[in-house]
Amino acid sequence: MIVCSCNVFSDGQVRACLNPGPGCPRTPAQVYACLGCSPKCGRCARTIRGILSRALAEAHETCTSACGAACTLKAAEPAPAEAA
């Protein structure tokens, strides 16, 4: 499926950027850089974030216990909500 119509790239191309390790893109801006382009209208950023989140969650599920606390694929824990 086409994710970005301005730069014409697909969800498969976004997932192809996702290699395990510290160089793995974690933001839409990093995905654009990986694909050699830059955001134009920005409407695809939400979709890219969703692809990143799902891919990281899937990778974390398949991660063995040998990874332990050093696992680079752990999803960031949400910040606690501030009291109003």
C-alpha atoms as a PDB file:
ATOM      1  CA  MET A   1       0.000   0.000   0.000  1.00  0.00           C
ATOM      2  CA  ILE A   2       1.250   3.503  -0.781  1.00  0.00           C
ATOM      3  CA  VAL A   3       2.010   5.315   2.480  1.00  0.00           C
ATOM      4  CA  CYS A   4       3.283   8.606   1.077  1.00  0.00           C
ATOM      5  CA  SER A   5       1.795   9.881  -2.161  1.00  0.00           C
ATOM      6  CA  CYS A   6       4.098  12.926  -2.251  1.00  0.00           C
ATOM      7  CA  ASN A   7       7.283  10.834  -2.231  1.00  0.00           C
ATOM      8  CA  VAL A   8       5.590   7.670  -3.531  1.00  0.00           C
ATOM      9  CA  PHE A   9       6.763   5.030  -1.087  1.00  0.00           C
ATOM     10  CA  SER A  10       4.979   2.012   0.317  1.00  0.00           C
ATOM     11  CA  ASP A  11       4.582   0.319   3.678  1.00  0.00           C
ATOM     12  CA  GLY A  12       6.983  -2.363   2.456  1.00  0.00           C
ATOM     13  CA  GLN A  13       9.662   0.252   1.875  1.00  0.00           C
ATOM     14  CA  VAL A  14       9.102   1.660   5.362  1.00  0.00           C
ATOM     15  CA  ARG A  15       9.430  -1.821   6.891  1.00  0.00           C
ATOM     16  CA  ALA A  16      12.576  -2.453   4.810  1.00  0.00           C
ATOM     17  CA  CYS A  17      14.265   0.412   6.713  1.00  0.00           C
ATOM     18  CA  LEU A  18      13.678  -1.320  10.032  1.00  0.00           C
ATOM     19  CA  ASN A  19      16.840  -3.222  10.854  1.00  0.00           C
ATOM     20  CA  PRO A  20      17.471  -4.270  14.455  1.00  0.00           C
ATOM     21  CA  GLY A  21      20.011  -2.236  16.358  1.00  0.00           C
ATOM     22  CA  PRO A  22      20.759   1.334  17.307  1.00  0.00           C
ATOM     23  CA  GLY A  23      20.523   2.608  13.707  1.00  0.00           C
ATOM     24  CA  CYS A  24      16.911   1.497  13.332  1.00  0.00           C
ATOM     25  CA  PRO A  25      14.593   4.432  12.554  1.00  0.00           C
ATOM     26  CA  ARG A  26      12.294   5.322  15.450  1.00  0.00           C
ATOM     27  CA  THR A  27      10.593   8.418  13.992  1.00  0.00           C
ATOM     28  CA  PRO A  28       8.982   9.354  10.679  1.00  0.00           C
ATOM     29  CA  ALA A  29      11.843  11.827  10.035  1.00  0.00           C
ATOM     30  CA  GLN A  30      14.358   9.000  10.365  1.00  0.00           C
ATOM     31  CA  VAL A  31      12.310   6.865   7.950  1.00  0.00           C
ATOM     32  CA  TYR A  32      12.294   9.705   5.396  1.00  0.00           C
ATOM     33  CA  ALA A  33      16.079   9.976   5.744  1.00  0.00           C
ATOM     34  CA  CYS A  34      16.452   6.215   5.333  1.00  0.00           C
ATOM     35  CA  LEU A  35      14.421   6.401   2.119  1.00  0.00           C
ATOM     36  CA  GLY A  36      16.389   9.411   0.851  1.00  0.00           C
ATOM     37  CA  CYS A  37      13.532  11.886   0.876  1.00  0.00           C
ATOM     38  CA  SER A  38      11.937  14.504   3.105  1.00  0.00           C
ATOM     39  CA  PRO A  39       8.370  15.177   4.225  1.00  0.00           C
ATOM     40  CA  LYS A  40       6.250  17.317   1.975  1.00  0.00           C
ATOM     41  CA  CYS A  41       2.663  17.614   3.262  1.00  0.00           C
ATOM     42  CA  GLY A  42       3.202  15.418   6.355  1.00  0.00           C
ATOM     43  CA  ARG A  43      -0.091  13.526   6.126  1.00  0.00           C
ATOM     44  CA  CYS A  44       1.729  10.189   6.070  1.00  0.00           C
ATOM     45  CA  ALA A  45       3.580  10.733   9.369  1.00  0.00           C
ATOM     46  CA  ARG A  46       0.781   9.152  11.419  1.00  0.00           C
ATOM     47  CA  THR A  47       0.765   6.070   9.179  1.00  0.00           C
ATOM     48  CA  ILE A  48       4.552   5.787   9.393  1.00  0.00           C
ATOM     49  CA  ARG A  49       4.367   6.019  13.204  1.00  0.00           C
ATOM     50  CA  GLY A  50       1.782   3.215  13.189  1.00  0.00           C
ATOM     51  CA  ILE A  51       3.997   1.006  11.009  1.00  0.00           C
ATOM     52  CA  LEU A  52       6.960   1.689  13.314  1.00  0.00           C
ATOM     53  CA  SER A  53       4.934   0.906  16.442  1.00  0.00           C
ATOM     54  CA  ARG A  54       3.572  -2.359  15.052  1.00  0.00           C
ATOM     55  CA  ALA A  55       6.963  -3.479  13.744  1.00  0.00           C
ATOM     56  CA  LEU A  56       8.700  -2.728  17.048  1.00  0.00           C
ATOM     57  CA  ALA A  57       5.944  -4.510  19.010  1.00  0.00           C
ATOM     58  CA  GLU A  58       6.218  -7.582  16.748  1.00  0.00           C
ATOM     59  CA  ALA A  59      10.002  -7.617  17.051  1.00  0.00           C
ATOM     60  CA  HIS A  60       9.792  -7.295  20.814  1.00  0.00           C
ATOM     61  CA  GLU A  61       7.317 -10.206  21.030  1.00  0.00           C
ATOM     62  CA  THR A  62       9.724 -12.460  19.144  1.00  0.00           C
ATOM     63  CA  CYS A  63      12.674 -11.328  21.237  1.00  0.00           C
ATOM     64  CA  THR A  64      13.934 -14.108  23.490  1.00  0.00           C
ATOM     65  CA  SER A  65      14.534 -13.744  27.189  1.00  0.00           C
ATOM     66  CA  ALA A  66      18.277 -13.773  26.433  1.00  0.00           C
ATOM     67  CA  CYS A  67      17.929 -10.140  25.366  1.00  0.00           C
ATOM     68  CA  GLY A  68      16.891  -9.103  28.848  1.00  0.00           C
ATOM     69  CA  ALA A  69      17.247  -5.461  29.805  1.00  0.00           C
ATOM     70  CA  ALA A  70      19.702  -4.766  26.965  1.00  0.00           C
ATOM     71  CA  CYS A  71      17.052  -5.275  24.266  1.00  0.00           C
ATOM     72  CA  THR A  72      17.129  -2.315  21.844  1.00  0.00           C
ATOM     73  CA  LEU A  73      13.698  -3.204  20.504  1.00  0.00           C
ATOM     74  CA  LYS A  74      11.746  -2.507  23.685  1.00  0.00           C
ATOM     75  CA  ALA A  75       8.992  -0.006  23.108  1.00  0.00           C
ATOM     76  CA  ALA A  76       9.319   3.165  25.116  1.00  0.00           C
ATOM     77  CA  GLU A  77       7.108   3.171  28.158  1.00  0.00           C
ATOM     78  CA  PRO A  78       4.526   5.954  28.166  1.00  0.00           C
ATOM     79  CA  ALA A  79       5.175   8.877  30.465  1.00  0.00           C
ATOM     80  CA  PRO A  80       2.863   9.097  33.466  1.00  0.00           C
ATOM     81  CA  ALA A  81      -0.032  11.501  33.062  1.00  0.00           C
ATOM     82  CA  GLU A  82       0.416  14.780  34.892  1.00  0.00           C
ATOM     83  CA  ALA A  83      -2.119  15.688  37.536  1.00  0.00           C
ATOM     84  CA  ALA A  84      -4.150  18.730  36.567  1.00  0.00           C
END
